Amino acid sequence: MKHYLVVESHPSHPDRLDEFNRWYDEIHIPEVVALDGFVGGTRLAAADADGGPSVTLYELEGDPHEAKRNVHIAAAAKKLNMSDSLSYGPIPKMRIMAVQSEYSKPR
């Protein structure tokens, strides 16, 4: 079964959105994907006017709970370069999601 770690996060201030995007795309995603249990990462941004959260889909392999633990362990050991452009109010939401079904338009 395919799993994803889905993370919702926000910049610490709207004026820091560019810094937040650079940090997330150039530093954070590569550091997380380098951890055991991670295959890749895709980040989504709201396309409408309300802004909404940044949503990152990390594709996982193996035990998804172990992969999530690896993020917490790396963060606690200060092995992830965090940025103060990331908001902790609200704190990022992390959820393990299993692919229920996939469908593609017939060609």
PDB file of N, CA and C in Angstrom:
ATOM      1  N   MET A   1       0.843  -1.179   0.000  1.00  0.00           N
ATOM      2  CA  MET A   1       0.000   0.000   0.000  1.00  0.00           C
ATOM      3  C   MET A   1       0.895   1.250   0.000  1.00  0.00           C
ATOM      4  N   LYS A   2       0.557   2.215  -0.837  1.00  0.00           N
ATOM      5  CA  LYS A   2       1.316   3.457  -0.932  1.00  0.00           C
ATOM      6  C   LYS A   2       0.858   4.433   0.151  1.00  0.00           C
ATOM      7  N   HIS A   3       1.853   5.089   0.792  1.00  0.00           N
ATOM      8  CA  HIS A   3       1.565   6.064   1.845  1.00  0.00           C
ATOM      9  C   HIS A   3       2.234   7.397   1.541  1.00  0.00           C
ATOM     10  N   TYR A   4       1.633   8.446   2.081  1.00  0.00           N
ATOM     11  CA  TYR A   4       2.198   9.791   2.022  1.00  0.00           C
ATOM     12  C   TYR A   4       2.171  10.392   3.416  1.00  0.00           C
ATOM     13  N   LEU A   5       3.181  11.203   3.706  1.00  0.00           N
ATOM     14  CA  LEU A   5       3.131  12.068   4.874  1.00  0.00           C
ATOM     15  C   LEU A   5       2.694  13.414   4.328  1.00  0.00           C
ATOM     16  N   VAL A   6       1.547  13.893   4.791  1.00  0.00           N
ATOM     17  CA  VAL A   6       0.981  15.161   4.326  1.00  0.00           C
ATOM     18  C   VAL A   6       1.221  16.192   5.421  1.00  0.00           C
ATOM     19  N   VAL A   7       1.883  17.293   5.048  1.00  0.00           N
ATOM     20  CA  VAL A   7       2.221  18.343   6.018  1.00  0.00           C
ATOM     21  C   VAL A   7       1.605  19.651   5.559  1.00  0.00           C
ATOM     22  N   GLU A   8       0.828  20.272   6.450  1.00  0.00           N
ATOM     23  CA  GLU A   8       0.264  21.597   6.206  1.00  0.00           C
ATOM     24  C   GLU A   8       1.046  22.591   7.051  1.00  0.00           C
ATOM     25  N   SER A   9       1.531  23.654   6.416  1.00  0.00           N
ATOM     26  CA  SER A   9       2.297  24.660   7.144  1.00  0.00           C
ATOM     27  C   SER A   9       2.027  26.043   6.557  1.00  0.00           C
ATOM     28  N   HIS A  10       2.470  27.055   7.296  1.00  0.00           N
ATOM     29  CA  HIS A  10       2.262  28.450   6.908  1.00  0.00           C
ATOM     30  C   HIS A  10       3.550  29.230   7.124  1.00  0.00           C
ATOM     31  N   PRO A  11       3.749  30.303   6.364  1.00  0.00           N
ATOM     32  CA  PRO A  11       4.871  31.199   6.676  1.00  0.00           C
ATOM     33  C   PRO A  11       4.575  31.952   7.968  1.00  0.00           C
ATOM     34  N   SER A  12       5.617  32.386   8.656  1.00  0.00           N
ATOM     35  CA  SER A  12       5.442  33.103   9.927  1.00  0.00           C
ATOM     36  C   SER A  12       4.790  34.465   9.727  1.00  0.00           C
ATOM     37  N   HIS A  13       4.912  35.030   8.530  1.00  0.00           N
ATOM     38  CA  HIS A  13       4.289  36.319   8.218  1.00  0.00           C
ATOM     39  C   HIS A  13       4.137  36.393   6.702  1.00  0.00           C
ATOM     40  N   PRO A  14       3.052  37.001   6.211  1.00  0.00           N
ATOM     41  CA  PRO A  14       2.881  37.099   4.758  1.00  0.00           C
ATOM     42  C   PRO A  14       4.061  37.769   4.047  1.00  0.00           C
ATOM     43  N   ASP A  15       4.727  38.701   4.705  1.00  0.00           N
ATOM     44  CA  ASP A  15       5.879  39.376   4.105  1.00  0.00           C
ATOM     45  C   ASP A  15       7.076  38.438   3.927  1.00  0.00           C
ATOM     46  N   ARG A  16       7.046  37.279   4.563  1.00  0.00           N
ATOM     47  CA  ARG A  16       8.170  36.346   4.494  1.00  0.00           C
ATOM     48  C   ARG A  16       7.880  35.151   3.593  1.00  0.00           C
ATOM     49  N   LEU A  17       6.850  35.252   2.768  1.00  0.00           N
ATOM     50  CA  LEU A  17       6.446  34.135   1.921  1.00  0.00           C
ATOM     51  C   LEU A  17       7.568  33.692   0.978  1.00  0.00           C
ATOM     52  N   ASP A  18       8.253  34.640   0.334  1.00  0.00           N
ATOM     53  CA  ASP A  18       9.339  34.261  -0.588  1.00  0.00           C
ATOM     54  C   ASP A  18      10.453  33.527   0.149  1.00  0.00           C
ATOM     55  N   GLU A  19      10.822  34.013   1.328  1.00  0.00           N
ATOM     56  CA  GLU A  19      11.865  33.355   2.133  1.00  0.00           C
ATOM     57  C   GLU A  19      11.412  31.954   2.550  1.00  0.00           C
ATOM     58  N   PHE A  20      10.154  31.840   2.987  1.00  0.00           N
ATOM     59  CA  PHE A  20       9.558  30.562   3.378  1.00  0.00           C
ATOM     60  C   PHE A  20       9.607  29.577   2.207  1.00  0.00           C
ATOM     61  N   ASN A  21       9.201  30.032   1.016  1.00  0.00           N
ATOM     62  CA  ASN A  21       9.195  29.160  -0.163  1.00  0.00           C
ATOM     63  C   ASN A  21      10.600  28.692  -0.519  1.00  0.00           C
ATOM     64  N   ARG A  22      11.577  29.599  -0.487  1.00  0.00           N
ATOM     65  CA  ARG A  22      12.963  29.215  -0.803  1.00  0.00           C
ATOM     66  C   ARG A  22      13.481  28.191   0.195  1.00  0.00           C
ATOM     67  N   TRP A  23      13.281  28.466   1.488  1.00  0.00           N
ATOM     68  CA  TRP A  23      13.742  27.538   2.527  1.00  0.00           C
ATOM     69  C   TRP A  23      13.085  26.165   2.346  1.00  0.00           C
ATOM     70  N   TYR A  24      11.774  26.160   2.148  1.00  0.00           N
ATOM     71  CA  TYR A  24      11.054  24.897   2.050  1.00  0.00           C
ATOM     72  C   TYR A  24      11.529  24.081   0.848  1.00  0.00           C
ATOM     73  N   ASP A  25      11.614  24.749  -0.313  1.00  0.00           N
ATOM     74  CA  ASP A  25      11.948  24.046  -1.553  1.00  0.00           C
ATOM     75  C   ASP A  25      13.418  23.667  -1.657  1.00  0.00           C
ATOM     76  N   GLU A  26      14.316  24.535  -1.204  1.00  0.00           N
ATOM     77  CA  GLU A  26      15.749  24.331  -1.405  1.00  0.00           C
ATOM     78  C   GLU A  26      16.451  23.641  -0.241  1.00  0.00           C
ATOM     79  N   ILE A  27      15.878  23.753   0.953  1.00  0.00           N
ATOM     80  CA  ILE A  27      16.544  23.189   2.140  1.00  0.00           C
ATOM     81  C   ILE A  27      15.705  22.093   2.795  1.00  0.00           C
ATOM     82  N   HIS A  28      14.481  22.427   3.173  1.00  0.00           N
ATOM     83  CA  HIS A  28      13.700  21.505   4.007  1.00  0.00           C
ATOM     84  C   HIS A  28      13.310  20.214   3.279  1.00  0.00           C
ATOM     85  N   ILE A  29      12.707  20.339   2.109  1.00  0.00           N
ATOM     86  CA  ILE A  29      12.290  19.117   1.405  1.00  0.00           C
ATOM     87  C   ILE A  29      13.486  18.204   1.127  1.00  0.00           C
ATOM     88  N   PRO A  30      14.615  18.723   0.591  1.00  0.00           N
ATOM     89  CA  PRO A  30      15.753  17.816   0.381  1.00  0.00           C
ATOM     90  C   PRO A  30      16.254  17.149   1.660  1.00  0.00           C
ATOM     91  N   GLU A  31      16.249  17.881   2.785  1.00  0.00           N
ATOM     92  CA  GLU A  31      16.701  17.279   4.049  1.00  0.00           C
ATOM     93  C   GLU A  31      15.751  16.171   4.493  1.00  0.00           C
ATOM     94  N   VAL A  32      14.456  16.397   4.379  1.00  0.00           N
ATOM     95  CA  VAL A  32      13.484  15.381   4.799  1.00  0.00           C
ATOM     96  C   VAL A  32      13.552  14.168   3.876  1.00  0.00           C
ATOM     97  N   VAL A  33      13.608  14.392   2.568  1.00  0.00           N
ATOM     98  CA  VAL A  33      13.641  13.274   1.620  1.00  0.00           C
ATOM     99  C   VAL A  33      14.907  12.435   1.786  1.00  0.00           C
ATOM    100  N   ALA A  34      15.970  13.014   2.323  1.00  0.00           N
ATOM    101  CA  ALA A  34      17.204  12.256   2.571  1.00  0.00           C
ATOM    102  C   ALA A  34      17.060  11.282   3.738  1.00  0.00           C
ATOM    103  N   LEU A  35      16.023  11.432   4.562  1.00  0.00           N
ATOM    104  CA  LEU A  35      15.810  10.543   5.708  1.00  0.00           C
ATOM    105  C   LEU A  35      15.302   9.183   5.239  1.00  0.00           C
ATOM    106  N   ASP A  36      15.589   8.148   6.027  1.00  0.00           N
ATOM    107  CA  ASP A  36      15.094   6.803   5.728  1.00  0.00           C
ATOM    108  C   ASP A  36      13.569   6.808   5.690  1.00  0.00           C
ATOM    109  N   GLY A  37      13.026   6.136   4.695  1.00  0.00           N
ATOM    110  CA  GLY A  37      11.586   5.994   4.577  1.00  0.00           C
ATOM    111  C   GLY A  37      10.939   6.971   3.614  1.00  0.00           C
ATOM    112  N   PHE A  38      11.716   7.925   3.084  1.00  0.00           N
ATOM    113  CA  PHE A  38      11.169   8.936   2.184  1.00  0.00           C
ATOM    114  C   PHE A  38      11.659   8.696   0.765  1.00  0.00           C
ATOM    115  N   VAL A  39      10.758   8.892  -0.219  1.00  0.00           N
ATOM    116  CA  VAL A  39      11.069   8.690  -1.626  1.00  0.00           C
ATOM    117  C   VAL A  39      11.154  10.028  -2.357  1.00  0.00           C
ATOM    118  N   GLY A  40      10.251  10.936  -2.064  1.00  0.00           N
ATOM    119  CA  GLY A  40      10.204  12.220  -2.748  1.00  0.00           C
ATOM    120  C   GLY A  40       9.223  13.154  -2.078  1.00  0.00           C
ATOM    121  N   GLY A  41       9.212  14.387  -2.533  1.00  0.00           N
ATOM    122  CA  GLY A  41       8.313  15.377  -1.971  1.00  0.00           C
ATOM    123  C   GLY A  41       7.753  16.287  -3.040  1.00  0.00           C
ATOM    124  N   THR A  42       6.479  16.632  -2.891  1.00  0.00           N
ATOM    125  CA  THR A  42       5.791  17.561  -3.782  1.00  0.00           C
ATOM    126  C   THR A  42       5.109  18.599  -2.913  1.00  0.00           C
ATOM    127  N   ARG A  43       5.343  19.874  -3.228  1.00  0.00           N
ATOM    128  CA  ARG A  43       4.724  20.933  -2.429  1.00  0.00           C
ATOM    129  C   ARG A  43       3.658  21.628  -3.251  1.00  0.00           C
ATOM    130  N   LEU A  44       2.524  21.857  -2.621  1.00  0.00           N
ATOM    131  CA  LEU A  44       1.380  22.504  -3.246  1.00  0.00           C
ATOM    132  C   LEU A  44       1.133  23.853  -2.579  1.00  0.00           C
ATOM    133  N   ALA A  45       0.745  24.833  -3.380  1.00  0.00           N
ATOM    134  CA  ALA A  45       0.397  26.153  -2.863  1.00  0.00           C
ATOM    135  C   ALA A  45      -1.030  26.460  -3.284  1.00  0.00           C
ATOM    136  N   ALA A  46      -1.732  27.179  -2.433  1.00  0.00           N
ATOM    137  CA  ALA A  46      -3.106  27.571  -2.753  1.00  0.00           C
ATOM    138  C   ALA A  46      -3.113  28.422  -4.018  1.00  0.00           C
ATOM    139  N   ALA A  47      -4.012  28.115  -4.921  1.00  0.00           N
ATOM    140  CA  ALA A  47      -4.105  28.849  -6.178  1.00  0.00           C
ATOM    141  C   ALA A  47      -5.205  29.901  -6.140  1.00  0.00           C
ATOM    142  N   ASP A  48      -5.898  30.010  -5.010  1.00  0.00           N
ATOM    143  CA  ASP A  48      -6.953  31.018  -4.914  1.00  0.00           C
ATOM    144  C   ASP A  48      -6.528  32.149  -3.984  1.00  0.00           C
ATOM    145  N   ALA A  49      -7.380  33.125  -3.835  1.00  0.00           N
ATOM    146  CA  ALA A  49      -7.024  34.369  -3.150  1.00  0.00           C
ATOM    147  C   ALA A  49      -6.822  34.223  -1.640  1.00  0.00           C
ATOM    148  N   ASP A  50      -7.384  33.207  -1.006  1.00  0.00           N
ATOM    149  CA  ASP A  50      -7.291  33.136   0.460  1.00  0.00           C
ATOM    150  C   ASP A  50      -5.916  32.713   0.963  1.00  0.00           C
ATOM    151  N   GLY A  51      -5.037  32.295   0.079  1.00  0.00           N
ATOM    152  CA  GLY A  51      -3.688  31.898   0.514  1.00  0.00           C
ATOM    153  C   GLY A  51      -3.642  30.469   0.979  1.00  0.00           C
ATOM    154  N   GLY A  52      -4.323  30.170   2.062  1.00  0.00           N
ATOM    155  CA  GLY A  52      -4.342  28.813   2.575  1.00  0.00           C
ATOM    156  C   GLY A  52      -2.965  28.322   2.976  1.00  0.00           C
ATOM    157  N   PRO A  53      -2.892  27.088   3.481  1.00  0.00           N
ATOM    158  CA  PRO A  53      -1.600  26.544   3.894  1.00  0.00           C
ATOM    159  C   PRO A  53      -0.784  26.061   2.707  1.00  0.00           C
ATOM    160  N   SER A  54       0.494  25.914   2.935  1.00  0.00           N
ATOM    161  CA  SER A  54       1.363  25.172   2.032  1.00  0.00           C
ATOM    162  C   SER A  54       1.142  23.709   2.389  1.00  0.00           C
ATOM    163  N   VAL A  55       0.964  22.862   1.400  1.00  0.00           N
ATOM    164  CA  VAL A  55       0.750  21.437   1.645  1.00  0.00           C
ATOM    165  C   VAL A  55       1.870  20.670   0.940  1.00  0.00           C
ATOM    166  N   THR A  56       2.580  19.854   1.705  1.00  0.00           N
ATOM    167  CA  THR A  56       3.646  19.045   1.138  1.00  0.00           C
ATOM    168  C   THR A  56       3.257  17.583   1.222  1.00  0.00           C
ATOM    169  N   LEU A  57       3.406  16.881   0.103  1.00  0.00           N
ATOM    170  CA  LEU A  57       3.138  15.446   0.042  1.00  0.00           C
ATOM    171  C   LEU A  57       4.479  14.739  -0.058  1.00  0.00           C
ATOM    172  N   TYR A  58       4.840  14.026   0.994  1.00  0.00           N
ATOM    173  CA  TYR A  58       6.071  13.241   0.982  1.00  0.00           C
ATOM    174  C   TYR A  58       5.702  11.794   0.696  1.00  0.00           C
ATOM    175  N   GLU A  59       6.214  11.253  -0.404  1.00  0.00           N
ATOM    176  CA  GLU A  59       5.964   9.853  -0.720  1.00  0.00           C
ATOM    177  C   GLU A  59       6.860   8.986   0.163  1.00  0.00           C
ATOM    178  N   LEU A  60       6.259   7.965   0.760  1.00  0.00           N
ATOM    179  CA  LEU A  60       6.965   7.120   1.724  1.00  0.00           C
ATOM    180  C   LEU A  60       7.160   5.707   1.174  1.00  0.00           C
ATOM    181  N   GLU A  61       8.160   5.023   1.738  1.00  0.00           N
ATOM    182  CA  GLU A  61       8.355   3.600   1.470  1.00  0.00           C
ATOM    183  C   GLU A  61       8.592   2.918   2.809  1.00  0.00           C
ATOM    184  N   GLY A  62       8.187   1.672   2.911  1.00  0.00           N
ATOM    185  CA  GLY A  62       8.351   0.952   4.171  1.00  0.00           C
ATOM    186  C   GLY A  62       7.298   1.372   5.180  1.00  0.00           C
ATOM    187  N   ASP A  63       7.651   1.286   6.466  1.00  0.00           N
ATOM    188  CA  ASP A  63       6.727   1.611   7.557  1.00  0.00           C
ATOM    189  C   ASP A  63       6.516   3.121   7.618  1.00  0.00           C
ATOM    190  N   PRO A  64       5.302   3.621   7.337  1.00  0.00           N
ATOM    191  CA  PRO A  64       5.078   5.065   7.326  1.00  0.00           C
ATOM    192  C   PRO A  64       5.259   5.709   8.695  1.00  0.00           C
ATOM    193  N   HIS A  65       4.943   4.978   9.748  1.00  0.00           N
ATOM    194  CA  HIS A  65       5.093   5.534  11.100  1.00  0.00           C
ATOM    195  C   HIS A  65       6.568   5.702  11.458  1.00  0.00           C
ATOM    196  N   GLU A  66       7.393   4.776  10.973  1.00  0.00           N
ATOM    197  CA  GLU A  66       8.841   4.882  11.187  1.00  0.00           C
ATOM    198  C   GLU A  66       9.392   6.098  10.451  1.00  0.00           C
ATOM    199  N   ALA A  67       8.925   6.347   9.233  1.00  0.00           N
ATOM    200  CA  ALA A  67       9.368   7.520   8.474  1.00  0.00           C
ATOM    201  C   ALA A  67       9.006   8.808   9.226  1.00  0.00           C
ATOM    202  N   LYS A  68       7.796   8.871   9.738  1.00  0.00           N
ATOM    203  CA  LYS A  68       7.372  10.056  10.501  1.00  0.00           C
ATOM    204  C   LYS A  68       8.230  10.221  11.754  1.00  0.00           C
ATOM    205  N   ARG A  69       8.517   9.117  12.436  1.00  0.00           N
ATOM    206  CA  ARG A  69       9.396   9.172  13.610  1.00  0.00           C
ATOM    207  C   ARG A  69      10.773   9.706  13.229  1.00  0.00           C
ATOM    208  N   ASN A  70      11.261   9.320  12.051  1.00  0.00           N
ATOM    209  CA  ASN A  70      12.578   9.785  11.611  1.00  0.00           C
ATOM    210  C   ASN A  70      12.623  11.311  11.483  1.00  0.00           C
ATOM    211  N   VAL A  71      11.524  11.916  11.076  1.00  0.00           N
ATOM    212  CA  VAL A  71      11.459  13.386  11.015  1.00  0.00           C
ATOM    213  C   VAL A  71      11.581  13.965  12.418  1.00  0.00           C
ATOM    214  N   HIS A  72      10.828  13.415  13.363  1.00  0.00           N
ATOM    215  CA  HIS A  72      10.871  13.921  14.739  1.00  0.00           C
ATOM    216  C   HIS A  72      12.257  13.725  15.358  1.00  0.00           C
ATOM    217  N   ILE A  73      12.869  12.592  15.096  1.00  0.00           N
ATOM    218  CA  ILE A  73      14.213  12.318  15.632  1.00  0.00           C
ATOM    219  C   ILE A  73      15.225  13.290  15.036  1.00  0.00           C
ATOM    220  N   ALA A  74      15.175  13.503  13.731  1.00  0.00           N
ATOM    221  CA  ALA A  74      16.112  14.427  13.076  1.00  0.00           C
ATOM    222  C   ALA A  74      15.911  15.847  13.582  1.00  0.00           C
ATOM    223  N   ALA A  75      14.665  16.260  13.774  1.00  0.00           N
ATOM    224  CA  ALA A  75      14.391  17.617  14.284  1.00  0.00           C
ATOM    225  C   ALA A  75      14.914  17.770  15.703  1.00  0.00           C
ATOM    226  N   ALA A  76      14.677  16.778  16.560  1.00  0.00           N
ATOM    227  CA  ALA A  76      15.141  16.843  17.952  1.00  0.00           C
ATOM    228  C   ALA A  76      16.663  16.874  18.035  1.00  0.00           C
ATOM    229  N   ALA A  77      17.322  16.186  17.103  1.00  0.00           N
ATOM    230  CA  ALA A  77      18.791  16.146  17.072  1.00  0.00           C
ATOM    231  C   ALA A  77      19.381  17.353  16.325  1.00  0.00           C
ATOM    232  N   LYS A  78      18.499  18.288  15.919  1.00  0.00           N
ATOM    233  CA  LYS A  78      18.916  19.500  15.195  1.00  0.00           C
ATOM    234  C   LYS A  78      19.625  19.164  13.877  1.00  0.00           C
ATOM    235  N   LYS A  79      19.173  18.074  13.229  1.00  0.00           N
ATOM    236  CA  LYS A  79      19.733  17.680  11.944  1.00  0.00           C
ATOM    237  C   LYS A  79      18.935  18.259  10.772  1.00  0.00           C
ATOM    238  N   LEU A  80      17.847  18.956  11.083  1.00  0.00           N
ATOM    239  CA  LEU A  80      17.064  19.656  10.069  1.00  0.00           C
ATOM    240  C   LEU A  80      17.284  21.152  10.271  1.00  0.00           C
ATOM    241  N   ASN A  81      17.621  21.846   9.204  1.00  0.00           N
ATOM    242  CA  ASN A  81      17.831  23.296   9.275  1.00  0.00           C
ATOM    243  C   ASN A  81      16.480  23.986   9.198  1.00  0.00           C
ATOM    244  N   MET A  82      15.956  24.339  10.368  1.00  0.00           N
ATOM    245  CA  MET A  82      14.649  24.983  10.424  1.00  0.00           C
ATOM    246  C   MET A  82      14.808  26.484  10.192  1.00  0.00           C
ATOM    247  N   SER A  83      13.704  27.121   9.828  1.00  0.00           N
ATOM    248  CA  SER A  83      13.711  28.551   9.528  1.00  0.00           C
ATOM    249  C   SER A  83      12.656  29.258  10.362  1.00  0.00           C
ATOM    250  N   ASP A  84      12.976  30.476  10.804  1.00  0.00           N
ATOM    251  CA  ASP A  84      11.959  31.235  11.523  1.00  0.00           C
ATOM    252  C   ASP A  84      10.940  31.849  10.558  1.00  0.00           C
ATOM    253  N   SER A  85      11.069  31.551   9.264  1.00  0.00           N
ATOM    254  CA  SER A  85      10.030  31.940   8.312  1.00  0.00           C
ATOM    255  C   SER A  85       8.861  30.945   8.339  1.00  0.00           C
ATOM    256  N   LEU A  86       9.024  29.836   9.079  1.00  0.00           N
ATOM    257  CA  LEU A  86       7.970  28.839   9.284  1.00  0.00           C
ATOM    258  C   LEU A  86       7.187  29.207  10.531  1.00  0.00           C
ATOM    259  N   SER A  87       5.858  29.235  10.409  1.00  0.00           N
ATOM    260  CA  SER A  87       4.999  29.565  11.541  1.00  0.00           C
ATOM    261  C   SER A  87       4.843  28.363  12.476  1.00  0.00           C
ATOM    262  N   TYR A  88       4.870  28.644  13.766  1.00  0.00           N
ATOM    263  CA  TYR A  88       4.556  27.627  14.774  1.00  0.00           C
ATOM    264  C   TYR A  88       3.248  27.967  15.467  1.00  0.00           C
ATOM    265  N   GLY A  89       2.502  28.879  14.913  1.00  0.00           N
ATOM    266  CA  GLY A  89       1.188  29.246  15.414  1.00  0.00           C
ATOM    267  C   GLY A  89       0.291  29.578  14.238  1.00  0.00           C
ATOM    268  N   PRO A  90      -0.355  28.637  13.609  1.00  0.00           N
ATOM    269  CA  PRO A  90      -0.497  27.243  14.027  1.00  0.00           C
ATOM    270  C   PRO A  90       0.742  26.409  13.687  1.00  0.00           C
ATOM    271  N   ILE A  91       0.953  25.386  14.495  1.00  0.00           N
ATOM    272  CA  ILE A  91       2.078  24.487  14.235  1.00  0.00           C
ATOM    273  C   ILE A  91       1.763  23.666  12.985  1.00  0.00           C
ATOM    274  N   PRO A  92       2.785  23.236  12.248  1.00  0.00           N
ATOM    275  CA  PRO A  92       2.535  22.403  11.074  1.00  0.00           C
ATOM    276  C   PRO A  92       1.789  21.120  11.455  1.00  0.00           C
ATOM    277  N   LYS A  93       0.827  20.747  10.628  1.00  0.00           N
ATOM    278  CA  LYS A  93       0.063  19.514  10.839  1.00  0.00           C
ATOM    279  C   LYS A  93       0.674  18.423   9.975  1.00  0.00           C
ATOM    280  N   MET A  94       0.938  17.273  10.595  1.00  0.00           N
ATOM    281  CA  MET A  94       1.503  16.124   9.885  1.00  0.00           C
ATOM    282  C   MET A  94       0.537  14.955   9.993  1.00  0.00           C
ATOM    283  N   ARG A  95       0.193  14.384   8.833  1.00  0.00           N
ATOM    284  CA  ARG A  95      -0.715  13.235   8.812  1.00  0.00           C
ATOM    285  C   ARG A  95      -0.162  12.174   7.864  1.00  0.00           C
ATOM    286  N   ILE A  96      -0.224  10.926   8.295  1.00  0.00           N
ATOM    287  CA  ILE A  96       0.095   9.818   7.397  1.00  0.00           C
ATOM    288  C   ILE A  96      -1.195   9.447   6.687  1.00  0.00           C
ATOM    289  N   MET A  97      -1.120   9.410   5.370  1.00  0.00           N
ATOM    290  CA  MET A  97      -2.291   9.074   4.563  1.00  0.00           C
ATOM    291  C   MET A  97      -1.961   7.871   3.685  1.00  0.00           C
ATOM    292  N   ALA A  98      -2.906   6.941   3.609  1.00  0.00           N
ATOM    293  CA  ALA A  98      -2.764   5.772   2.740  1.00  0.00           C
ATOM    294  C   ALA A  98      -3.575   6.020   1.473  1.00  0.00           C
ATOM    295  N   VAL A  99      -3.026   5.623   0.349  1.00  0.00           N
ATOM    296  CA  VAL A  99      -3.755   5.762  -0.908  1.00  0.00           C
ATOM    297  C   VAL A  99      -4.924   4.792  -0.875  1.00  0.00           C
ATOM    298  N   GLN A 100      -6.117   5.342  -0.943  1.00  0.00           N
ATOM    299  CA  GLN A 100      -7.341   4.536  -0.935  1.00  0.00           C
ATOM    300  C   GLN A 100      -7.629   4.004  -2.341  1.00  0.00           C
ATOM    301  N   SER A 101      -7.465   4.899  -3.312  1.00  0.00           N
ATOM    302  CA  SER A 101      -7.679   4.495  -4.703  1.00  0.00           C
ATOM    303  C   SER A 101      -7.011   5.525  -5.602  1.00  0.00           C
ATOM    304  N   GLU A 102      -6.740   5.129  -6.819  1.00  0.00           N
ATOM    305  CA  GLU A 102      -6.175   6.027  -7.823  1.00  0.00           C
ATOM    306  C   GLU A 102      -6.965   5.830  -9.100  1.00  0.00           C
ATOM    307  N   TYR A 103      -7.183   6.900  -9.802  1.00  0.00           N
ATOM    308  CA  TYR A 103      -7.936   6.825 -11.045  1.00  0.00           C
ATOM    309  C   TYR A 103      -7.337   7.826 -12.023  1.00  0.00           C
ATOM    310  N   SER A 104      -7.174   7.414 -13.250  1.00  0.00           N
ATOM    311  CA  SER A 104      -6.701   8.294 -14.307  1.00  0.00           C
ATOM    312  C   SER A 104      -7.719   8.274 -15.429  1.00  0.00           C
ATOM    313  N   LYS A 105      -7.884   9.415 -16.047  1.00  0.00           N
ATOM    314  CA  LYS A 105      -8.776   9.519 -17.185  1.00  0.00           C
ATOM    315  C   LYS A 105      -8.289   8.603 -18.302  1.00  0.00           C
ATOM    316  N   PRO A 106      -9.168   7.791 -18.856  1.00  0.00           N
ATOM    317  CA  PRO A 106      -8.753   6.927 -19.960  1.00  0.00           C
ATOM    318  C   PRO A 106      -8.262   7.766 -21.137  1.00  0.00           C
ATOM    319  N   ARG A 107      -7.254   7.277 -21.828  1.00  0.00           N
ATOM    320  CA  ARG A 107      -6.681   8.019 -22.974  1.00  0.00           C
ATOM    321  C   ARG A 107      -7.256   7.502 -24.264  1.00  0.00           C
TER     322      ARG A 107
END
